Each structure stands twice: as structure tokens, then as C-alpha cells.
Amino acid sequence: MIIENSGLIGLTSELGYLDEAAEKIGFVRWQWEYTRATYDLKISDKETAADYYVRVNTRAIEGKLENPHAILNIEAVYIGRGTFPHGLDYESPIPKNVLTLADKGLSQLKASLS
């Protein structure tokens, strides 16, 4: 599921600052290469015994990701249910309590970057 109202799309940040700010909230930079990175926030739902991930996709607009001063642009924000052994199902319905926690994490990240 695409989260369109996060207020994050189009924001920019230095890689080093984004890593630090995201980590304080619980986001982890999982996938990355020279010009792209994704930050994931894991949310475990005890009622359904499922894990959900909020994924923030970024792209370097200046520099490359081996440099902490590279400038990243946030391109998209998604949420999906984790699937075994790895992957995300973006089509599954997301429980309301999970969406509430996702919105909280995204709001905190936006506040850190604004």
C-alpha cells in the first residue's frame, strides 16, 4: 500500500543525518546501493502475529551512498506485510492499529527532517 499523505515525499537530507534521525525512531537502512537506499520500520501486530514494514525509498541526488554528505531525496513511502522467507506483500489489508503506529513513525521522521 502506498502512503501518499506522509509529507515526506520530496524532502531531502544528507545521508549521515538521515541515518541518525531514522535510527532514533526505529527505521533501519536495509537495502542500499550507490544511489538508492530504503529505510524500513518494523511493526509487529500481536493480534494477527504478523510483521508489517513501513518502507521509505530514497535516491541520491548529489554524491553516492558511501559518502555521509550525499544528499538523498525521498521518493516514495509504502507499507506491507512481511512474507516468508523475505519480501513484502503490498496488497494485504493493514490493521488500523498498525497504520496508527506507521503514521506516528512517519510523523516523527518528517519532524526530524523539517
PDB file of N, CA and C in Angstrom:
ATOM      1  N   MET A   1       0.846  -1.162   0.000  1.00  0.00           N
ATOM      2  CA  MET A   1       0.000   0.000   0.000  1.00  0.00           C
ATOM      3  C   MET A   1       0.900   1.237   0.000  1.00  0.00           C
ATOM      4  N   ILE A   2       0.648   2.137  -0.893  1.00  0.00           N
ATOM      5  CA  ILE A   2       1.386   3.388  -0.958  1.00  0.00           C
ATOM      6  C   ILE A   2       0.799   4.341   0.076  1.00  0.00           C
ATOM      7  N   ILE A   3       1.663   4.989   0.827  1.00  0.00           N
ATOM      8  CA  ILE A   3       1.222   6.013   1.785  1.00  0.00           C
ATOM      9  C   ILE A   3       1.513   7.359   1.143  1.00  0.00           C
ATOM     10  N   GLU A   4       0.486   8.017   0.678  1.00  0.00           N
ATOM     11  CA  GLU A   4       0.666   9.246  -0.085  1.00  0.00           C
ATOM     12  C   GLU A   4       0.660  10.502   0.768  1.00  0.00           C
ATOM     13  N   ASN A   5       0.112  10.440   1.963  1.00  0.00           N
ATOM     14  CA  ASN A   5      -0.048  11.655   2.773  1.00  0.00           C
ATOM     15  C   ASN A   5       0.980  11.753   3.900  1.00  0.00           C
ATOM     16  N   SER A   6       2.155  11.163   3.711  1.00  0.00           N
ATOM     17  CA  SER A   6       3.173  11.161   4.771  1.00  0.00           C
ATOM     18  C   SER A   6       3.842  12.523   4.925  1.00  0.00           C
ATOM     19  N   GLY A   7       3.830  13.323   3.884  1.00  0.00           N
ATOM     20  CA  GLY A   7       4.528  14.596   3.916  1.00  0.00           C
ATOM     21  C   GLY A   7       6.023  14.458   3.724  1.00  0.00           C
ATOM     22  N   LEU A   8       6.505  13.251   3.481  1.00  0.00           N
ATOM     23  CA  LEU A   8       7.937  13.009   3.320  1.00  0.00           C
ATOM     24  C   LEU A   8       8.407  13.084   1.871  1.00  0.00           C
ATOM     25  N   ILE A   9       7.533  12.783   0.935  1.00  0.00           N
ATOM     26  CA  ILE A   9       7.932  12.719  -0.472  1.00  0.00           C
ATOM     27  C   ILE A   9       8.439  14.087  -0.921  1.00  0.00           C
ATOM     28  N   GLY A  10       9.650  14.069  -1.472  1.00  0.00           N
ATOM     29  CA  GLY A  10      10.276  15.297  -1.942  1.00  0.00           C
ATOM     30  C   GLY A  10      11.224  15.941  -0.941  1.00  0.00           C
ATOM     31  N   LEU A  11      11.189  15.499   0.331  1.00  0.00           N
ATOM     32  CA  LEU A  11      12.131  16.046   1.308  1.00  0.00           C
ATOM     33  C   LEU A  11      13.534  15.523   1.002  1.00  0.00           C
ATOM     34  N   THR A  12      14.547  16.324   1.331  1.00  0.00           N
ATOM     35  CA  THR A  12      15.924  15.921   1.113  1.00  0.00           C
ATOM     36  C   THR A  12      16.691  15.972   2.429  1.00  0.00           C
ATOM     37  N   SER A  13      17.766  15.195   2.482  1.00  0.00           N
ATOM     38  CA  SER A  13      18.603  15.144   3.684  1.00  0.00           C
ATOM     39  C   SER A  13      19.963  14.580   3.323  1.00  0.00           C
ATOM     40  N   GLU A  14      20.975  14.962   4.097  1.00  0.00           N
ATOM     41  CA  GLU A  14      22.264  14.299   3.981  1.00  0.00           C
ATOM     42  C   GLU A  14      22.115  12.874   4.498  1.00  0.00           C
ATOM     43  N   LEU A  15      22.826  11.956   3.882  1.00  0.00           N
ATOM     44  CA  LEU A  15      22.769  10.549   4.257  1.00  0.00           C
ATOM     45  C   LEU A  15      23.078  10.343   5.738  1.00  0.00           C
ATOM     46  N   GLY A  16      24.151  10.944   6.231  1.00  0.00           N
ATOM     47  CA  GLY A  16      24.539  10.758   7.628  1.00  0.00           C
ATOM     48  C   GLY A  16      23.461  11.209   8.586  1.00  0.00           C
ATOM     49  N   TYR A  17      22.854  12.359   8.303  1.00  0.00           N
ATOM     50  CA  TYR A  17      21.789  12.866   9.178  1.00  0.00           C
ATOM     51  C   TYR A  17      20.553  11.978   9.088  1.00  0.00           C
ATOM     52  N   LEU A  18      20.179  11.574   7.877  1.00  0.00           N
ATOM     53  CA  LEU A  18      19.003  10.720   7.711  1.00  0.00           C
ATOM     54  C   LEU A  18      19.203   9.387   8.418  1.00  0.00           C
ATOM     55  N   ASP A  19      20.392   8.803   8.309  1.00  0.00           N
ATOM     56  CA  ASP A  19      20.676   7.548   9.023  1.00  0.00           C
ATOM     57  C   ASP A  19      20.459   7.721  10.525  1.00  0.00           C
ATOM     58  N   GLU A  20      21.005   8.791  11.077  1.00  0.00           N
ATOM     59  CA  GLU A  20      20.913   9.037  12.521  1.00  0.00           C
ATOM     60  C   GLU A  20      19.475   9.306  12.955  1.00  0.00           C
ATOM     61  N   ALA A  21      18.777  10.183  12.238  1.00  0.00           N
ATOM     62  CA  ALA A  21      17.397  10.531  12.592  1.00  0.00           C
ATOM     63  C   ALA A  21      16.473   9.321  12.465  1.00  0.00           C
ATOM     64  N   ALA A  22      16.634   8.559  11.387  1.00  0.00           N
ATOM     65  CA  ALA A  22      15.783   7.394  11.158  1.00  0.00           C
ATOM     66  C   ALA A  22      16.018   6.331  12.231  1.00  0.00           C
ATOM     67  N   GLU A  23      17.274   6.110  12.595  1.00  0.00           N
ATOM     68  CA  GLU A  23      17.599   5.085  13.586  1.00  0.00           C
ATOM     69  C   GLU A  23      16.993   5.403  14.947  1.00  0.00           C
ATOM     70  N   LYS A  24      16.966   6.669  15.331  1.00  0.00           N
ATOM     71  CA  LYS A  24      16.380   7.068  16.621  1.00  0.00           C
ATOM     72  C   LYS A  24      14.900   6.707  16.696  1.00  0.00           C
ATOM     73  N   ILE A  25      14.227   6.705  15.562  1.00  0.00           N
ATOM     74  CA  ILE A  25      12.790   6.417  15.516  1.00  0.00           C
ATOM     75  C   ILE A  25      12.538   4.916  15.393  1.00  0.00           C
ATOM     76  N   GLY A  26      13.515   4.177  14.880  1.00  0.00           N
ATOM     77  CA  GLY A  26      13.348   2.738  14.716  1.00  0.00           C
ATOM     78  C   GLY A  26      13.482   2.271  13.280  1.00  0.00           C
ATOM     79  N   PHE A  27      13.712   3.189  12.355  1.00  0.00           N
ATOM     80  CA  PHE A  27      13.928   2.817  10.957  1.00  0.00           C
ATOM     81  C   PHE A  27      15.352   2.291  10.799  1.00  0.00           C
ATOM     82  N   VAL A  28      15.518   1.313   9.921  1.00  0.00           N
ATOM     83  CA  VAL A  28      16.824   0.739   9.636  1.00  0.00           C
ATOM     84  C   VAL A  28      17.061   0.849   8.130  1.00  0.00           C
ATOM     85  N   ARG A  29      18.273   1.284   7.763  1.00  0.00           N
ATOM     86  CA  ARG A  29      18.605   1.302   6.327  1.00  0.00           C
ATOM     87  C   ARG A  29      18.992  -0.116   5.943  1.00  0.00           C
ATOM     88  N   TRP A  30      18.098  -0.810   5.235  1.00  0.00           N
ATOM     89  CA  TRP A  30      18.327  -2.202   4.850  1.00  0.00           C
ATOM     90  C   TRP A  30      18.985  -2.293   3.496  1.00  0.00           C
ATOM     91  N   GLN A  31      18.242  -2.032   2.475  1.00  0.00           N
ATOM     92  CA  GLN A  31      18.760  -2.178   1.120  1.00  0.00           C
ATOM     93  C   GLN A  31      19.405  -0.870   0.685  1.00  0.00           C
ATOM     94  N   TRP A  32      20.581  -0.981   0.090  1.00  0.00           N
ATOM     95  CA  TRP A  32      21.198   0.211  -0.457  1.00  0.00           C
ATOM     96  C   TRP A  32      22.213  -0.177  -1.515  1.00  0.00           C
ATOM     97  N   GLU A  33      22.430   0.741  -2.404  1.00  0.00           N
ATOM     98  CA  GLU A  33      23.470   0.618  -3.414  1.00  0.00           C
ATOM     99  C   GLU A  33      24.044   2.009  -3.591  1.00  0.00           C
ATOM    100  N   TYR A  34      24.729   2.283  -4.637  1.00  0.00           N
ATOM    101  CA  TYR A  34      25.421   3.565  -4.778  1.00  0.00           C
ATOM    102  C   TYR A  34      24.504   4.779  -4.801  1.00  0.00           C
ATOM    103  N   THR A  35      23.305   4.637  -5.360  1.00  0.00           N
ATOM    104  CA  THR A  35      22.437   5.814  -5.490  1.00  0.00           C
ATOM    105  C   THR A  35      21.057   5.646  -4.881  1.00  0.00           C
ATOM    106  N   ARG A  36      20.732   4.474  -4.343  1.00  0.00           N
ATOM    107  CA  ARG A  36      19.405   4.254  -3.754  1.00  0.00           C
ATOM    108  C   ARG A  36      19.526   3.597  -2.388  1.00  0.00           C
ATOM    109  N   ALA A  37      18.559   3.917  -1.520  1.00  0.00           N
ATOM    110  CA  ALA A  37      18.501   3.271  -0.209  1.00  0.00           C
ATOM    111  C   ALA A  37      17.058   3.199   0.250  1.00  0.00           C
ATOM    112  N   THR A  38      16.744   2.167   1.027  1.00  0.00           N
ATOM    113  CA  THR A  38      15.426   2.072   1.646  1.00  0.00           C
ATOM    114  C   THR A  38      15.596   1.995   3.153  1.00  0.00           C
ATOM    115  N   TYR A  39      14.693   2.649   3.840  1.00  0.00           N
ATOM    116  CA  TYR A  39      14.651   2.640   5.302  1.00  0.00           C
ATOM    117  C   TYR A  39      13.360   1.939   5.707  1.00  0.00           C
ATOM    118  N   ASP A  40      13.469   0.933   6.570  1.00  0.00           N
ATOM    119  CA  ASP A  40      12.303   0.151   6.990  1.00  0.00           C
ATOM    120  C   ASP A  40      12.059   0.303   8.485  1.00  0.00           C
ATOM    121  N   LEU A  41      10.775   0.440   8.830  1.00  0.00           N
ATOM    122  CA  LEU A  41      10.323   0.441  10.219  1.00  0.00           C
ATOM    123  C   LEU A  41       9.459  -0.799  10.402  1.00  0.00           C
ATOM    124  N   LYS A  42       9.889  -1.703  11.287  1.00  0.00           N
ATOM    125  CA  LYS A  42       9.150  -2.941  11.536  1.00  0.00           C
ATOM    126  C   LYS A  42       8.101  -2.690  12.612  1.00  0.00           C
ATOM    127  N   ILE A  43       6.864  -3.121  12.327  1.00  0.00           N
ATOM    128  CA  ILE A  43       5.763  -3.028  13.279  1.00  0.00           C
ATOM    129  C   ILE A  43       5.180  -4.433  13.419  1.00  0.00           C
ATOM    130  N   SER A  44       5.234  -4.991  14.621  1.00  0.00           N
ATOM    131  CA  SER A  44       4.682  -6.327  14.876  1.00  0.00           C
ATOM    132  C   SER A  44       3.279  -6.192  15.437  1.00  0.00           C
ATOM    133  N   ASP A  45       2.335  -6.905  14.828  1.00  0.00           N
ATOM    134  CA  ASP A  45       0.945  -6.893  15.285  1.00  0.00           C
ATOM    135  C   ASP A  45       0.677  -8.183  16.052  1.00  0.00           C
ATOM    136  N   LYS A  46       0.444  -8.065  17.345  1.00  0.00           N
ATOM    137  CA  LYS A  46       0.231  -9.241  18.191  1.00  0.00           C
ATOM    138  C   LYS A  46      -1.088  -9.941  17.880  1.00  0.00           C
ATOM    139  N   GLU A  47      -2.104  -9.190  17.444  1.00  0.00           N
ATOM    140  CA  GLU A  47      -3.413  -9.800  17.160  1.00  0.00           C
ATOM    141  C   GLU A  47      -3.342 -10.761  15.980  1.00  0.00           C
ATOM    142  N   THR A  48      -2.615 -10.374  14.942  1.00  0.00           N
ATOM    143  CA  THR A  48      -2.532 -11.218  13.747  1.00  0.00           C
ATOM    144  C   THR A  48      -1.240 -12.012  13.686  1.00  0.00           C
ATOM    145  N   ALA A  49      -0.326 -11.761  14.630  1.00  0.00           N
ATOM    146  CA  ALA A  49       1.000 -12.405  14.661  1.00  0.00           C
ATOM    147  C   ALA A  49       1.754 -12.168  13.351  1.00  0.00           C
ATOM    148  N   ALA A  50       1.560 -10.996  12.765  1.00  0.00           N
ATOM    149  CA  ALA A  50       2.223 -10.656  11.505  1.00  0.00           C
ATOM    150  C   ALA A  50       3.119  -9.436  11.712  1.00  0.00           C
ATOM    151  N   ASP A  51       4.143  -9.360  10.895  1.00  0.00           N
ATOM    152  CA  ASP A  51       5.024  -8.202  10.898  1.00  0.00           C
ATOM    153  C   ASP A  51       4.718  -7.356   9.673  1.00  0.00           C
ATOM    154  N   TYR A  52       4.697  -6.058   9.884  1.00  0.00           N
ATOM    155  CA  TYR A  52       4.456  -5.095   8.811  1.00  0.00           C
ATOM    156  C   TYR A  52       5.663  -4.174   8.745  1.00  0.00           C
ATOM    157  N   TYR A  53       5.952  -3.690   7.557  1.00  0.00           N
ATOM    158  CA  TYR A  53       7.112  -2.831   7.365  1.00  0.00           C
ATOM    159  C   TYR A  53       6.699  -1.557   6.635  1.00  0.00           C
ATOM    160  N   VAL A  54       7.079  -0.432   7.227  1.00  0.00           N
ATOM    161  CA  VAL A  54       6.933   0.855   6.562  1.00  0.00           C
ATOM    162  C   VAL A  54       8.247   1.071   5.830  1.00  0.00           C
ATOM    163  N   ARG A  55       8.196   1.282   4.546  1.00  0.00           N
ATOM    164  CA  ARG A  55       9.407   1.423   3.726  1.00  0.00           C
ATOM    165  C   ARG A  55       9.457   2.810   3.111  1.00  0.00           C
ATOM    166  N   VAL A  56      10.580   3.485   3.345  1.00  0.00           N
ATOM    167  CA  VAL A  56      10.819   4.813   2.779  1.00  0.00           C
ATOM    168  C   VAL A  56      11.915   4.648   1.727  1.00  0.00           C
ATOM    169  N   ASN A  57      11.573   4.935   0.473  1.00  0.00           N
ATOM    170  CA  ASN A  57      12.527   4.821  -0.632  1.00  0.00           C
ATOM    171  C   ASN A  57      13.199   6.160  -0.880  1.00  0.00           C
ATOM    172  N   THR A  58      14.525   6.132  -1.029  1.00  0.00           N
ATOM    173  CA  THR A  58      15.284   7.354  -1.277  1.00  0.00           C
ATOM    174  C   THR A  58      16.212   7.153  -2.473  1.00  0.00           C
ATOM    175  N   ARG A  59      16.630   8.272  -3.049  1.00  0.00           N
ATOM    176  CA  ARG A  59      17.592   8.258  -4.160  1.00  0.00           C
ATOM    177  C   ARG A  59      18.573   9.403  -3.963  1.00  0.00           C
ATOM    178  N   ALA A  60      19.854   9.136  -4.195  1.00  0.00           N
ATOM    179  CA  ALA A  60      20.876  10.177  -4.087  1.00  0.00           C
ATOM    180  C   ALA A  60      20.723  11.154  -5.253  1.00  0.00           C
ATOM    181  N   ILE A  61      20.675  12.434  -4.915  1.00  0.00           N
ATOM    182  CA  ILE A  61      20.622  13.455  -5.966  1.00  0.00           C
ATOM    183  C   ILE A  61      21.949  14.215  -6.047  1.00  0.00           C
ATOM    184  N   GLU A  62      22.793  14.029  -5.032  1.00  0.00           N
ATOM    185  CA  GLU A  62      24.165  14.550  -5.035  1.00  0.00           C
ATOM    186  C   GLU A  62      25.042  13.538  -4.322  1.00  0.00           C
ATOM    187  N   GLY A  63      26.095  13.089  -4.976  1.00  0.00           N
ATOM    188  CA  GLY A  63      27.012  12.149  -4.357  1.00  0.00           C
ATOM    189  C   GLY A  63      26.522  10.713  -4.428  1.00  0.00           C
ATOM    190  N   LYS A  64      27.266   9.850  -3.736  1.00  0.00           N
ATOM    191  CA  LYS A  64      26.925   8.432  -3.666  1.00  0.00           C
ATOM    192  C   LYS A  64      26.854   8.006  -2.212  1.00  0.00           C
ATOM    193  N   LEU A  65      26.217   6.874  -1.954  1.00  0.00           N
ATOM    194  CA  LEU A  65      25.916   6.476  -0.589  1.00  0.00           C
ATOM    195  C   LEU A  65      27.116   6.066   0.252  1.00  0.00           C
ATOM    196  N   GLU A  66      28.294   5.972  -0.309  1.00  0.00           N
ATOM    197  CA  GLU A  66      29.444   5.711   0.554  1.00  0.00           C
ATOM    198  C   GLU A  66      29.917   6.996   1.233  1.00  0.00           C
ATOM    199  N   ASN A  67      29.330   8.124   0.872  1.00  0.00           N
ATOM    200  CA  ASN A  67      29.690   9.423   1.443  1.00  0.00           C
ATOM    201  C   ASN A  67      28.563   9.911   2.355  1.00  0.00           C
ATOM    202  N   PRO A  68      28.808  10.149   3.650  1.00  0.00           N
ATOM    203  CA  PRO A  68      27.740  10.585   4.559  1.00  0.00           C
ATOM    204  C   PRO A  68      27.173  11.965   4.214  1.00  0.00           C
ATOM    205  N   HIS A  69      27.860  12.699   3.320  1.00  0.00           N
ATOM    206  CA  HIS A  69      27.368  14.014   2.915  1.00  0.00           C
ATOM    207  C   HIS A  69      26.549  13.955   1.628  1.00  0.00           C
ATOM    208  N   ALA A  70      26.333  12.757   1.081  1.00  0.00           N
ATOM    209  CA  ALA A  70      25.476  12.609  -0.094  1.00  0.00           C
ATOM    210  C   ALA A  70      24.084  13.120   0.257  1.00  0.00           C
ATOM    211  N   ILE A  71      23.431  13.749  -0.702  1.00  0.00           N
ATOM    212  CA  ILE A  71      22.081  14.281  -0.491  1.00  0.00           C
ATOM    213  C   ILE A  71      21.074  13.290  -1.065  1.00  0.00           C
ATOM    214  N   LEU A  72      20.140  12.867  -0.206  1.00  0.00           N
ATOM    215  CA  LEU A  72      19.094  11.927  -0.620  1.00  0.00           C
ATOM    216  C   LEU A  72      17.757  12.634  -0.730  1.00  0.00           C
ATOM    217  N   ASN A  73      16.983  12.207  -1.702  1.00  0.00           N
ATOM    218  CA  ASN A  73      15.618  12.687  -1.902  1.00  0.00           C
ATOM    219  C   ASN A  73      14.663  11.536  -1.606  1.00  0.00           C
ATOM    220  N   ILE A  74      13.642  11.787  -0.799  1.00  0.00           N
ATOM    221  CA  ILE A  74      12.646  10.745  -0.510  1.00  0.00           C
ATOM    222  C   ILE A  74      11.669  10.688  -1.672  1.00  0.00           C
ATOM    223  N   GLU A  75      11.542   9.487  -2.255  1.00  0.00           N
ATOM    224  CA  GLU A  75      10.721   9.316  -3.451  1.00  0.00           C
ATOM    225  C   GLU A  75       9.358   8.702  -3.184  1.00  0.00           C
ATOM    226  N   ALA A  76       9.273   7.745  -2.279  1.00  0.00           N
ATOM    227  CA  ALA A  76       8.005   7.054  -2.057  1.00  0.00           C
ATOM    228  C   ALA A  76       7.985   6.434  -0.670  1.00  0.00           C
ATOM    229  N   VAL A  77       6.774   6.224  -0.145  1.00  0.00           N
ATOM    230  CA  VAL A  77       6.587   5.588   1.164  1.00  0.00           C
ATOM    231  C   VAL A  77       5.526   4.501   1.002  1.00  0.00           C
ATOM    232  N   TYR A  78       5.843   3.287   1.470  1.00  0.00           N
ATOM    233  CA  TYR A  78       4.960   2.132   1.359  1.00  0.00           C
ATOM    234  C   TYR A  78       4.797   1.469   2.716  1.00  0.00           C
ATOM    235  N   ILE A  79       3.759   0.629   2.819  1.00  0.00           N
ATOM    236  CA  ILE A  79       3.631  -0.278   3.951  1.00  0.00           C
ATOM    237  C   ILE A  79       3.150  -1.614   3.407  1.00  0.00           C
ATOM    238  N   GLY A  80       3.724  -2.688   3.950  1.00  0.00           N
ATOM    239  CA  GLY A  80       3.329  -4.014   3.505  1.00  0.00           C
ATOM    240  C   GLY A  80       3.534  -5.037   4.604  1.00  0.00           C
ATOM    241  N   ARG A  81       2.892  -6.176   4.451  1.00  0.00           N
ATOM    242  CA  ARG A  81       3.029  -7.281   5.397  1.00  0.00           C
ATOM    243  C   ARG A  81       4.233  -8.111   4.998  1.00  0.00           C
ATOM    244  N   GLY A  82       5.067  -8.443   5.976  1.00  0.00           N
ATOM    245  CA  GLY A  82       6.232  -9.276   5.711  1.00  0.00           C
ATOM    246  C   GLY A  82       5.813 -10.678   5.319  1.00  0.00           C
ATOM    247  N   THR A  83       6.519 -11.254   4.355  1.00  0.00           N
ATOM    248  CA  THR A  83       6.237 -12.614   3.903  1.00  0.00           C
ATOM    249  C   THR A  83       7.496 -13.457   4.056  1.00  0.00           C
ATOM    250  N   PHE A  84       7.297 -14.767   4.259  1.00  0.00           N
ATOM    251  CA  PHE A  84       8.409 -15.690   4.443  1.00  0.00           C
ATOM    252  C   PHE A  84       8.919 -16.161   3.096  1.00  0.00           C
ATOM    253  N   PRO A  85      10.188 -16.317   2.867  1.00  0.00           N
ATOM    254  CA  PRO A  85      11.284 -16.030   3.774  1.00  0.00           C
ATOM    255  C   PRO A  85      11.664 -14.539   3.790  1.00  0.00           C
ATOM    256  N   HIS A  86      11.358 -13.830   2.748  1.00  0.00           N
ATOM    257  CA  HIS A  86      11.604 -12.387   2.744  1.00  0.00           C
ATOM    258  C   HIS A  86      10.740 -11.764   1.667  1.00  0.00           C
ATOM    259  N   GLY A  87      10.439 -10.517   1.826  1.00  0.00           N
ATOM    260  CA  GLY A  87       9.611  -9.811   0.869  1.00  0.00           C
ATOM    261  C   GLY A  87       8.464  -9.116   1.568  1.00  0.00           C
ATOM    262  N   LEU A  88       7.762  -8.303   0.825  1.00  0.00           N
ATOM    263  CA  LEU A  88       6.618  -7.572   1.364  1.00  0.00           C
ATOM    264  C   LEU A  88       5.416  -7.762   0.463  1.00  0.00           C
ATOM    265  N   ASP A  89       4.269  -7.974   1.079  1.00  0.00           N
ATOM    266  CA  ASP A  89       3.003  -8.066   0.367  1.00  0.00           C
ATOM    267  C   ASP A  89       2.312  -6.716   0.516  1.00  0.00           C
ATOM    268  N   TYR A  90       2.303  -5.942  -0.555  1.00  0.00           N
ATOM    269  CA  TYR A  90       1.718  -4.605  -0.518  1.00  0.00           C
ATOM    270  C   TYR A  90       0.204  -4.613  -0.722  1.00  0.00           C
ATOM    271  N   GLU A  91      -0.367  -5.760  -1.032  1.00  0.00           N
ATOM    272  CA  GLU A  91      -1.807  -5.853  -1.312  1.00  0.00           C
ATOM    273  C   GLU A  91      -2.635  -6.242  -0.091  1.00  0.00           C
ATOM    274  N   SER A  92      -2.003  -6.784   0.948  1.00  0.00           N
ATOM    275  CA  SER A  92      -2.730  -7.218   2.150  1.00  0.00           C
ATOM    276  C   SER A  92      -3.342  -6.021   2.867  1.00  0.00           C
ATOM    277  N   PRO A  93      -4.517  -6.213   3.467  1.00  0.00           N
ATOM    278  CA  PRO A  93      -5.081  -5.130   4.280  1.00  0.00           C
ATOM    279  C   PRO A  93      -4.196  -4.885   5.501  1.00  0.00           C
ATOM    280  N   ILE A  94      -4.098  -3.636   5.895  1.00  0.00           N
ATOM    281  CA  ILE A  94      -3.263  -3.252   7.032  1.00  0.00           C
ATOM    282  C   ILE A  94      -4.194  -2.920   8.205  1.00  0.00           C
ATOM    283  N   PRO A  95      -4.006  -3.585   9.364  1.00  0.00           N
ATOM    284  CA  PRO A  95      -4.853  -3.293  10.531  1.00  0.00           C
ATOM    285  C   PRO A  95      -4.717  -1.821  10.961  1.00  0.00           C
ATOM    286  N   LYS A  96      -5.798  -1.294  11.503  1.00  0.00           N
ATOM    287  CA  LYS A  96      -5.832   0.114  11.901  1.00  0.00           C
ATOM    288  C   LYS A  96      -4.757   0.448  12.936  1.00  0.00           C
ATOM    289  N   ASN A  97      -4.548  -0.440  13.913  1.00  0.00           N
ATOM    290  CA  ASN A  97      -3.532  -0.161  14.926  1.00  0.00           C
ATOM    291  C   ASN A  97      -2.126  -0.095  14.321  1.00  0.00           C
ATOM    292  N   VAL A  98      -1.873  -0.879  13.292  1.00  0.00           N
ATOM    293  CA  VAL A  98      -0.575  -0.842  12.603  1.00  0.00           C
ATOM    294  C   VAL A  98      -0.438   0.466  11.833  1.00  0.00           C
ATOM    295  N   LEU A  99      -1.503   0.884  11.157  1.00  0.00           N
ATOM    296  CA  LEU A  99      -1.473   2.163  10.436  1.00  0.00           C
ATOM    297  C   LEU A  99      -1.238   3.334  11.385  1.00  0.00           C
ATOM    298  N   THR A 100      -1.817   3.267  12.567  1.00  0.00           N
ATOM    299  CA  THR A 100      -1.620   4.332  13.556  1.00  0.00           C
ATOM    300  C   THR A 100      -0.152   4.417  13.959  1.00  0.00           C
ATOM    301  N   LEU A 101       0.473   3.272  14.218  1.00  0.00           N
ATOM    302  CA  LEU A 101       1.896   3.261  14.571  1.00  0.00           C
ATOM    303  C   LEU A 101       2.764   3.707  13.398  1.00  0.00           C
ATOM    304  N   ALA A 102       2.385   3.322  12.190  1.00  0.00           N
ATOM    305  CA  ALA A 102       3.121   3.742  11.000  1.00  0.00           C
ATOM    306  C   ALA A 102       3.064   5.256  10.844  1.00  0.00           C
ATOM    307  N   ASP A 103       1.867   5.826  11.004  1.00  0.00           N
ATOM    308  CA  ASP A 103       1.707   7.283  10.899  1.00  0.00           C
ATOM    309  C   ASP A 103       2.542   8.004  11.952  1.00  0.00           C
ATOM    310  N   LYS A 104       2.603   7.436  13.148  1.00  0.00           N
ATOM    311  CA  LYS A 104       3.398   8.048  14.222  1.00  0.00           C
ATOM    312  C   LYS A 104       4.880   8.073  13.851  1.00  0.00           C
ATOM    313  N   GLY A 105       5.399   6.954  13.373  1.00  0.00           N
ATOM    314  CA  GLY A 105       6.801   6.882  12.973  1.00  0.00           C
ATOM    315  C   GLY A 105       7.120   7.823  11.822  1.00  0.00           C
ATOM    316  N   LEU A 106       6.221   7.893  10.845  1.00  0.00           N
ATOM    317  CA  LEU A 106       6.432   8.783   9.709  1.00  0.00           C
ATOM    318  C   LEU A 106       6.374  10.242  10.123  1.00  0.00           C
ATOM    319  N   SER A 107       5.468  10.568  11.036  1.00  0.00           N
ATOM    320  CA  SER A 107       5.383  11.942  11.538  1.00  0.00           C
ATOM    321  C   SER A 107       6.651  12.335  12.270  1.00  0.00           C
ATOM    322  N   GLN A 108       7.199  11.421  13.062  1.00  0.00           N
ATOM    323  CA  GLN A 108       8.442  11.691  13.777  1.00  0.00           C
ATOM    324  C   GLN A 108       9.603  11.903  12.799  1.00  0.00           C
ATOM    325  N   LEU A 109       9.647  11.092  11.752  1.00  0.00           N
ATOM    326  CA  LEU A 109      10.705  11.232  10.755  1.00  0.00           C
ATOM    327  C   LEU A 109      10.566  12.568  10.029  1.00  0.00           C
ATOM    328  N   LYS A 110       9.336  12.913   9.672  1.00  0.00           N
ATOM    329  CA  LYS A 110       9.110  14.201   8.989  1.00  0.00           C
ATOM    330  C   LYS A 110       9.558  15.353   9.868  1.00  0.00           C
ATOM    331  N   ALA A 111       9.206  15.297  11.152  1.00  0.00           N
ATOM    332  CA  ALA A 111       9.600  16.371  12.085  1.00  0.00           C
ATOM    333  C   ALA A 111      11.115  16.484  12.177  1.00  0.00           C
ATOM    334  N   SER A 112      11.807  15.351  12.145  1.00  0.00           N
ATOM    335  CA  SER A 112      13.274  15.364  12.205  1.00  0.00           C
ATOM    336  C   SER A 112      13.908  15.970  10.973  1.00  0.00           C
ATOM    337  N   LEU A 113      13.225  15.844   9.828  1.00  0.00           N
ATOM    338  CA  LEU A 113      13.780  16.311   8.562  1.00  0.00           C
ATOM    339  C   LEU A 113      13.309  17.706   8.181  1.00  0.00           C
ATOM    340  N   SER A 114      12.311  18.221   8.877  1.00  0.00           N
ATOM    341  CA  SER A 114      11.771  19.533   8.506  1.00  0.00           C
ATOM    342  C   SER A 114      12.507  20.659   9.189  1.00  0.00           C
TER     343      SER A 114
END
